[in-house]
Amino acid sequence: MGFRRRRREEPRVDLTSMVDVVFLLLIFFMISTTFVETPGLSIKLPTAGAGAVPKEQREVKIYLSQEGELFLHKEPITFEELATQLDGFGKELAKEMTFLLLADEQARHGKVVELMDAARSAGFGKLAIATENRPQRP
């Protein structure tokens, strides 16, 4: 019997479906990604020397003792007097100044929060709470 030999086809991988999936993923990521351009402004601000605040007046030091006593630059003061004093700086000047709070570690938390709230309502832009460095352990 004479059987005909069939030509054997070479095995090949059909890439059509994989290319379709890659294009679908590409389209999905292109649509779901948003590109937002933020325009930049180039501004050169003028300089002025008359409105400069001396360095020693750029911070207000408030001391709070363990007993709840308040001191403004080491002078005793009541909370009401302090609030009036802080408001006297004005919002614009206070925004540039630092409110430095030096509270005793045993001071009541409520008093510290009241002082921070008074500084915020007076318009202070910077608040710092003073601490001491911890001794290094050997």
N, C-alpha and C. Protein backbone atom coordinates (compact mmCIF):
# COMPACT_ATOMS: atom_id res chain seq x y z
N MET A 1 0.84 -1.15 0.00
CA MET A 1 0.00 0.00 0.00
C MET A 1 0.88 1.21 0.00
N GLY A 2 0.45 2.06 -0.72
CA GLY A 2 1.20 3.28 -0.83
C GLY A 2 0.51 4.42 -0.10
N PHE A 3 0.89 4.57 1.17
CA PHE A 3 0.33 5.70 1.93
C PHE A 3 1.09 6.95 1.59
N ARG A 4 0.36 7.97 1.46
CA ARG A 4 1.00 9.25 1.21
C ARG A 4 1.44 9.87 2.52
N ARG A 5 2.58 10.31 2.48
CA ARG A 5 3.06 10.99 3.69
C ARG A 5 2.55 12.42 3.71
N ARG A 6 1.96 12.72 4.79
CA ARG A 6 1.49 14.10 4.92
C ARG A 6 2.65 14.97 5.37
N ARG A 7 2.63 16.15 4.82
CA ARG A 7 3.66 17.10 5.28
C ARG A 7 3.30 17.58 6.68
N ARG A 8 4.25 17.51 7.47
CA ARG A 8 4.02 17.92 8.84
C ARG A 8 4.20 19.43 8.97
N GLU A 9 3.22 20.10 9.59
CA GLU A 9 3.33 21.55 9.78
C GLU A 9 4.21 21.83 10.99
N GLU A 10 4.97 22.90 10.89
CA GLU A 10 5.80 23.33 12.01
C GLU A 10 4.89 23.91 13.10
N PRO A 11 5.15 23.61 14.36
CA PRO A 11 4.32 24.21 15.42
C PRO A 11 4.62 25.70 15.54
N ARG A 12 3.62 26.49 15.73
CA ARG A 12 3.81 27.93 15.90
C ARG A 12 2.81 28.45 16.94
N VAL A 13 3.19 29.52 17.56
CA VAL A 13 2.36 30.13 18.59
C VAL A 13 1.58 31.27 17.94
N ASP A 14 0.29 31.26 18.17
CA ASP A 14 -0.54 32.32 17.60
C ASP A 14 -0.50 33.51 18.55
N LEU A 15 0.07 34.62 18.13
CA LEU A 15 0.25 35.81 18.97
C LEU A 15 -0.89 36.82 18.82
N THR A 16 -1.85 36.55 18.01
CA THR A 16 -2.91 37.51 17.74
C THR A 16 -3.68 37.86 19.01
N SER A 17 -4.07 36.88 19.79
CA SER A 17 -4.84 37.17 21.00
C SER A 17 -3.99 37.92 22.03
N MET A 18 -2.70 37.60 22.13
CA MET A 18 -1.84 38.30 23.08
C MET A 18 -1.66 39.76 22.67
N VAL A 19 -1.51 40.03 21.39
CA VAL A 19 -1.37 41.41 20.91
C VAL A 19 -2.65 42.17 21.19
N ASP A 20 -3.81 41.54 21.01
CA ASP A 20 -5.08 42.19 21.31
C ASP A 20 -5.17 42.58 22.79
N VAL A 21 -4.77 41.67 23.66
CA VAL A 21 -4.81 41.95 25.10
C VAL A 21 -3.87 43.09 25.45
N VAL A 22 -2.68 43.11 24.89
CA VAL A 22 -1.72 44.19 25.17
C VAL A 22 -2.28 45.53 24.71
N PHE A 23 -2.87 45.59 23.54
CA PHE A 23 -3.46 46.84 23.06
C PHE A 23 -4.63 47.28 23.93
N LEU A 24 -5.45 46.35 24.39
CA LEU A 24 -6.55 46.70 25.28
C LEU A 24 -6.03 47.27 26.60
N LEU A 25 -4.99 46.67 27.16
CA LEU A 25 -4.39 47.19 28.40
C LEU A 25 -3.80 48.58 28.17
N LEU A 26 -3.13 48.76 27.06
CA LEU A 26 -2.56 50.06 26.74
C LEU A 26 -3.64 51.13 26.65
N ILE A 27 -4.73 50.82 25.97
CA ILE A 27 -5.83 51.78 25.84
C ILE A 27 -6.45 52.05 27.21
N PHE A 28 -6.62 51.01 28.02
CA PHE A 28 -7.20 51.19 29.35
C PHE A 28 -6.35 52.14 30.20
N PHE A 29 -5.04 51.92 30.23
CA PHE A 29 -4.17 52.78 31.04
C PHE A 29 -4.09 54.19 30.49
N MET A 30 -4.14 54.35 29.19
CA MET A 30 -4.12 55.70 28.62
C MET A 30 -5.37 56.47 28.98
N ILE A 31 -6.50 55.81 29.01
CA ILE A 31 -7.76 56.49 29.32
C ILE A 31 -7.87 56.76 30.82
N SER A 32 -7.46 55.81 31.65
CA SER A 32 -7.63 55.97 33.09
C SER A 32 -6.61 56.91 33.72
N THR A 33 -5.51 57.16 33.07
CA THR A 33 -4.49 58.07 33.59
C THR A 33 -4.85 59.49 33.19
N THR A 34 -4.79 60.39 34.17
CA THR A 34 -5.06 61.79 33.85
C THR A 34 -3.75 62.56 33.94
N PHE A 35 -3.56 63.40 33.01
CA PHE A 35 -2.38 64.25 32.98
C PHE A 35 -2.83 65.67 33.26
N VAL A 36 -2.40 66.19 34.40
CA VAL A 36 -2.79 67.53 34.79
C VAL A 36 -1.56 68.41 34.71
N GLU A 37 -1.66 69.44 33.94
CA GLU A 37 -0.57 70.40 33.87
C GLU A 37 -0.90 71.57 34.78
N THR A 38 0.02 71.87 35.67
CA THR A 38 -0.16 73.03 36.51
C THR A 38 0.74 74.14 35.98
N PRO A 39 0.15 75.23 35.61
CA PRO A 39 0.98 76.31 35.08
C PRO A 39 1.81 76.94 36.20
N GLY A 40 3.06 77.21 35.93
CA GLY A 40 3.94 77.83 36.91
C GLY A 40 4.01 79.33 36.70
N LEU A 41 4.11 80.04 37.77
CA LEU A 41 4.23 81.49 37.71
C LEU A 41 5.63 81.88 38.14
N SER A 42 6.22 82.77 37.40
CA SER A 42 7.53 83.27 37.76
C SER A 42 7.36 84.67 38.31
N ILE A 43 7.52 84.81 39.61
CA ILE A 43 7.31 86.10 40.27
C ILE A 43 8.58 86.49 41.00
N LYS A 44 9.03 87.69 40.77
CA LYS A 44 10.16 88.22 41.52
C LYS A 44 9.61 89.29 42.45
N LEU A 45 9.68 89.02 43.73
CA LEU A 45 9.12 89.93 44.71
C LEU A 45 10.07 91.08 44.99
N PRO A 46 9.51 92.26 45.27
CA PRO A 46 10.36 93.40 45.60
C PRO A 46 10.95 93.24 47.00
N THR A 47 12.02 93.95 47.27
CA THR A 47 12.64 93.91 48.58
C THR A 47 12.35 95.20 49.31
N ALA A 48 12.29 95.10 50.64
CA ALA A 48 12.05 96.28 51.46
C ALA A 48 12.81 96.11 52.76
N GLY A 49 13.39 97.17 53.25
CA GLY A 49 14.15 97.11 54.50
C GLY A 49 13.44 97.80 55.64
N ALA A 50 12.48 98.67 55.35
CA ALA A 50 11.83 99.44 56.40
C ALA A 50 10.92 98.58 57.26
N GLY A 51 10.32 97.55 56.70
CA GLY A 51 9.38 96.74 57.45
C GLY A 51 10.01 95.57 58.17
N ALA A 52 11.31 95.47 58.18
CA ALA A 52 11.98 94.34 58.81
C ALA A 52 11.84 94.42 60.32
N VAL A 53 11.56 93.27 60.93
CA VAL A 53 11.42 93.20 62.37
C VAL A 53 12.75 92.78 62.95
N PRO A 54 13.22 93.47 64.00
CA PRO A 54 14.48 93.04 64.61
C PRO A 54 14.40 91.60 65.07
N LYS A 55 15.55 90.91 65.05
CA LYS A 55 15.58 89.48 65.32
C LYS A 55 15.00 89.14 66.69
N GLU A 56 15.28 89.96 67.69
CA GLU A 56 14.79 89.64 69.03
C GLU A 56 13.27 89.79 69.13
N GLN A 57 12.63 90.49 68.18
CA GLN A 57 11.18 90.63 68.21
C GLN A 57 10.49 89.63 67.29
N ARG A 58 11.23 88.72 66.68
CA ARG A 58 10.62 87.75 65.76
C ARG A 58 10.04 86.56 66.49
N GLU A 59 10.22 86.46 67.79
CA GLU A 59 9.62 85.37 68.53
C GLU A 59 9.06 85.90 69.85
N VAL A 60 7.98 85.27 70.27
CA VAL A 60 7.34 85.60 71.53
C VAL A 60 7.51 84.38 72.42
N LYS A 61 8.22 84.56 73.53
CA LYS A 61 8.48 83.45 74.45
C LYS A 61 7.44 83.47 75.57
N ILE A 62 6.71 82.37 75.68
CA ILE A 62 5.71 82.21 76.73
C ILE A 62 6.16 81.05 77.61
N TYR A 63 6.27 81.32 78.92
CA TYR A 63 6.66 80.30 79.88
C TYR A 63 5.42 79.87 80.64
N LEU A 64 5.24 78.56 80.82
CA LEU A 64 4.13 78.01 81.59
C LEU A 64 4.73 77.13 82.68
N SER A 65 4.49 77.52 83.94
CA SER A 65 5.07 76.77 85.06
C SER A 65 4.20 75.56 85.39
N GLN A 66 4.71 74.73 86.29
CA GLN A 66 4.00 73.54 86.71
C GLN A 66 2.67 73.90 87.38
N GLU A 67 2.66 75.04 88.08
CA GLU A 67 1.46 75.47 88.78
C GLU A 67 0.46 76.19 87.86
N GLY A 68 0.83 76.43 86.61
CA GLY A 68 -0.06 77.10 85.67
C GLY A 68 0.18 78.59 85.55
N GLU A 69 1.26 79.10 86.14
CA GLU A 69 1.57 80.52 86.04
C GLU A 69 2.14 80.82 84.66
N LEU A 70 1.77 81.96 84.10
CA LEU A 70 2.24 82.37 82.78
C LEU A 70 3.26 83.49 82.89
N PHE A 71 4.24 83.45 82.01
CA PHE A 71 5.25 84.50 81.96
C PHE A 71 5.48 84.85 80.50
N LEU A 72 5.47 86.14 80.20
CA LEU A 72 5.78 86.64 78.87
C LEU A 72 7.16 87.25 78.94
N HIS A 73 8.13 86.64 78.27
CA HIS A 73 9.53 87.08 78.33
C HIS A 73 9.98 87.23 79.78
N LYS A 74 9.68 86.22 80.59
CA LYS A 74 10.08 86.10 82.01
C LYS A 74 9.38 87.08 82.93
N GLU A 75 8.33 87.75 82.48
CA GLU A 75 7.55 88.65 83.33
C GLU A 75 6.18 88.04 83.56
N PRO A 76 5.68 88.00 84.81
CA PRO A 76 4.38 87.38 85.09
C PRO A 76 3.26 88.10 84.34
N ILE A 77 2.29 87.31 83.87
CA ILE A 77 1.18 87.87 83.11
C ILE A 77 -0.02 86.93 83.26
N THR A 78 -1.23 87.49 83.18
CA THR A 78 -2.42 86.66 83.23
C THR A 78 -2.78 86.23 81.81
N PHE A 79 -3.67 85.24 81.71
CA PHE A 79 -4.05 84.74 80.39
C PHE A 79 -4.76 85.83 79.58
N GLU A 80 -5.60 86.62 80.22
CA GLU A 80 -6.32 87.69 79.52
C GLU A 80 -5.37 88.76 79.01
N GLU A 81 -4.39 89.14 79.86
CA GLU A 81 -3.39 90.12 79.44
C GLU A 81 -2.56 89.57 78.27
N LEU A 82 -2.25 88.28 78.33
CA LEU A 82 -1.47 87.66 77.26
C LEU A 82 -2.25 87.69 75.95
N ALA A 83 -3.54 87.36 76.01
CA ALA A 83 -4.36 87.38 74.80
C ALA A 83 -4.42 88.78 74.20
N THR A 84 -4.53 89.80 75.04
CA THR A 84 -4.54 91.18 74.57
C THR A 84 -3.20 91.55 73.95
N GLN A 85 -2.13 91.12 74.61
CA GLN A 85 -0.77 91.40 74.11
C GLN A 85 -0.55 90.74 72.75
N LEU A 86 -1.00 89.49 72.60
CA LEU A 86 -0.82 88.77 71.34
C LEU A 86 -1.63 89.41 70.21
N ASP A 87 -2.85 89.84 70.53
CA ASP A 87 -3.67 90.51 69.53
C ASP A 87 -3.09 91.85 69.12
N GLY A 88 -2.31 92.47 70.03
CA GLY A 88 -1.70 93.77 69.75
C GLY A 88 -0.64 93.72 68.66
N PHE A 89 -0.10 92.55 68.36
CA PHE A 89 0.91 92.44 67.31
C PHE A 89 0.30 92.63 65.92
N GLY A 90 -0.97 92.32 65.78
CA GLY A 90 -1.60 92.41 64.46
C GLY A 90 -1.40 91.12 63.69
N LYS A 91 -2.36 90.80 62.85
CA LYS A 91 -2.34 89.53 62.12
C LYS A 91 -1.15 89.43 61.17
N GLU A 92 -0.82 90.51 60.47
CA GLU A 92 0.27 90.46 59.48
C GLU A 92 1.63 90.25 60.13
N LEU A 93 1.89 90.97 61.21
CA LEU A 93 3.17 90.82 61.90
C LEU A 93 3.24 89.48 62.62
N ALA A 94 2.13 89.06 63.22
CA ALA A 94 2.09 87.79 63.95
C ALA A 94 2.33 86.61 63.01
N LYS A 95 1.90 86.73 61.77
CA LYS A 95 2.09 85.65 60.80
C LYS A 95 3.57 85.38 60.56
N GLU A 96 4.40 86.39 60.69
CA GLU A 96 5.84 86.26 60.46
C GLU A 96 6.60 85.89 61.73
N MET A 97 5.97 86.02 62.89
CA MET A 97 6.65 85.77 64.16
C MET A 97 6.47 84.32 64.59
N THR A 98 7.32 83.88 65.53
CA THR A 98 7.25 82.54 66.09
C THR A 98 6.72 82.62 67.51
N PHE A 99 5.73 81.80 67.81
CA PHE A 99 5.20 81.67 69.16
C PHE A 99 5.94 80.52 69.82
N LEU A 100 6.85 80.83 70.75
CA LEU A 100 7.69 79.83 71.40
C LEU A 100 7.12 79.53 72.78
N LEU A 101 6.65 78.31 72.95
CA LEU A 101 6.03 77.90 74.20
C LEU A 101 7.01 77.05 75.00
N LEU A 102 7.36 77.52 76.19
CA LEU A 102 8.26 76.80 77.08
C LEU A 102 7.44 76.35 78.28
N ALA A 103 6.87 75.17 78.20
CA ALA A 103 6.00 74.66 79.25
C ALA A 103 6.72 73.61 80.07
N ASP A 104 6.46 73.64 81.37
CA ASP A 104 7.01 72.63 82.27
C ASP A 104 6.44 71.27 81.89
N GLU A 105 7.23 70.21 82.07
CA GLU A 105 6.75 68.88 81.68
C GLU A 105 5.60 68.42 82.55
N GLN A 106 5.42 69.01 83.72
CA GLN A 106 4.31 68.66 84.61
C GLN A 106 3.12 69.61 84.45
N ALA A 107 3.20 70.55 83.52
CA ALA A 107 2.09 71.50 83.31
C ALA A 107 0.88 70.76 82.76
N ARG A 108 -0.28 71.30 83.06
CA ARG A 108 -1.52 70.66 82.60
C ARG A 108 -1.67 70.81 81.09
N HIS A 109 -2.09 69.74 80.49
CA HIS A 109 -2.25 69.69 79.03
C HIS A 109 -3.27 70.73 78.55
N GLY A 110 -4.31 70.92 79.33
CA GLY A 110 -5.36 71.88 78.96
C GLY A 110 -4.82 73.29 78.83
N LYS A 111 -3.92 73.68 79.72
CA LYS A 111 -3.32 75.02 79.66
C LYS A 111 -2.48 75.18 78.40
N VAL A 112 -1.74 74.13 78.05
CA VAL A 112 -0.90 74.18 76.85
C VAL A 112 -1.79 74.36 75.62
N VAL A 113 -2.89 73.62 75.58
CA VAL A 113 -3.81 73.73 74.45
C VAL A 113 -4.43 75.12 74.39
N GLU A 114 -4.79 75.70 75.53
CA GLU A 114 -5.34 77.05 75.57
C GLU A 114 -4.35 78.07 75.00
N LEU A 115 -3.08 77.93 75.38
CA LEU A 115 -2.06 78.85 74.87
C LEU A 115 -1.86 78.69 73.37
N MET A 116 -1.87 77.46 72.89
CA MET A 116 -1.73 77.23 71.45
C MET A 116 -2.93 77.81 70.70
N ASP A 117 -4.11 77.68 71.28
CA ASP A 117 -5.32 78.22 70.66
C ASP A 117 -5.28 79.75 70.64
N ALA A 118 -4.77 80.35 71.71
CA ALA A 118 -4.65 81.82 71.76
C ALA A 118 -3.67 82.30 70.69
N ALA A 119 -2.58 81.57 70.49
CA ALA A 119 -1.62 81.95 69.45
C ALA A 119 -2.23 81.84 68.07
N ARG A 120 -2.99 80.78 67.84
CA ARG A 120 -3.61 80.60 66.53
C ARG A 120 -4.65 81.70 66.26
N SER A 121 -5.46 82.02 67.27
CA SER A 121 -6.48 83.05 67.06
C SER A 121 -5.85 84.44 66.90
N ALA A 122 -4.65 84.65 67.46
CA ALA A 122 -3.95 85.93 67.28
C ALA A 122 -3.29 86.02 65.92
N GLY A 123 -3.23 84.90 65.19
CA GLY A 123 -2.69 84.93 63.83
C GLY A 123 -1.26 84.47 63.68
N PHE A 124 -0.70 83.86 64.71
CA PHE A 124 0.69 83.40 64.62
C PHE A 124 0.79 82.26 63.62
N GLY A 125 1.76 82.39 62.71
CA GLY A 125 1.93 81.38 61.68
C GLY A 125 2.86 80.27 62.09
N LYS A 126 3.71 80.51 63.07
CA LYS A 126 4.68 79.50 63.50
C LYS A 126 4.54 79.27 64.99
N LEU A 127 4.48 78.00 65.37
CA LEU A 127 4.39 77.62 66.77
C LEU A 127 5.51 76.64 67.06
N ALA A 128 6.27 76.91 68.11
CA ALA A 128 7.36 76.01 68.51
C ALA A 128 7.19 75.68 69.98
N ILE A 129 7.40 74.42 70.30
CA ILE A 129 7.35 73.99 71.69
C ILE A 129 8.77 73.59 72.07
N ALA A 130 9.32 74.27 73.06
CA ALA A 130 10.71 74.05 73.45
C ALA A 130 10.86 72.76 74.23
N THR A 131 11.93 72.05 73.95
CA THR A 131 12.28 70.83 74.67
C THR A 131 13.75 70.86 74.98
N GLU A 132 14.17 69.97 75.87
CA GLU A 132 15.60 69.82 76.16
C GLU A 132 16.09 68.56 75.48
N ASN A 133 17.38 68.54 75.17
CA ASN A 133 17.97 67.35 74.57
C ASN A 133 18.04 66.24 75.58
N ARG A 134 17.71 65.04 75.12
CA ARG A 134 17.83 63.86 75.97
C ARG A 134 19.28 63.48 76.10
N PRO A 135 19.73 63.09 77.31
CA PRO A 135 21.13 62.66 77.44
C PRO A 135 21.33 61.37 76.65
N GLN A 136 22.48 61.25 76.02
CA GLN A 136 22.82 60.07 75.23
C GLN A 136 23.05 58.89 76.16
N ARG A 137 22.51 57.74 75.80
CA ARG A 137 22.74 56.53 76.59
C ARG A 137 24.05 55.89 76.16
N PRO A 138 24.83 55.41 77.14
CA PRO A 138 26.12 54.80 76.78
C PRO A 138 25.95 53.48 76.10
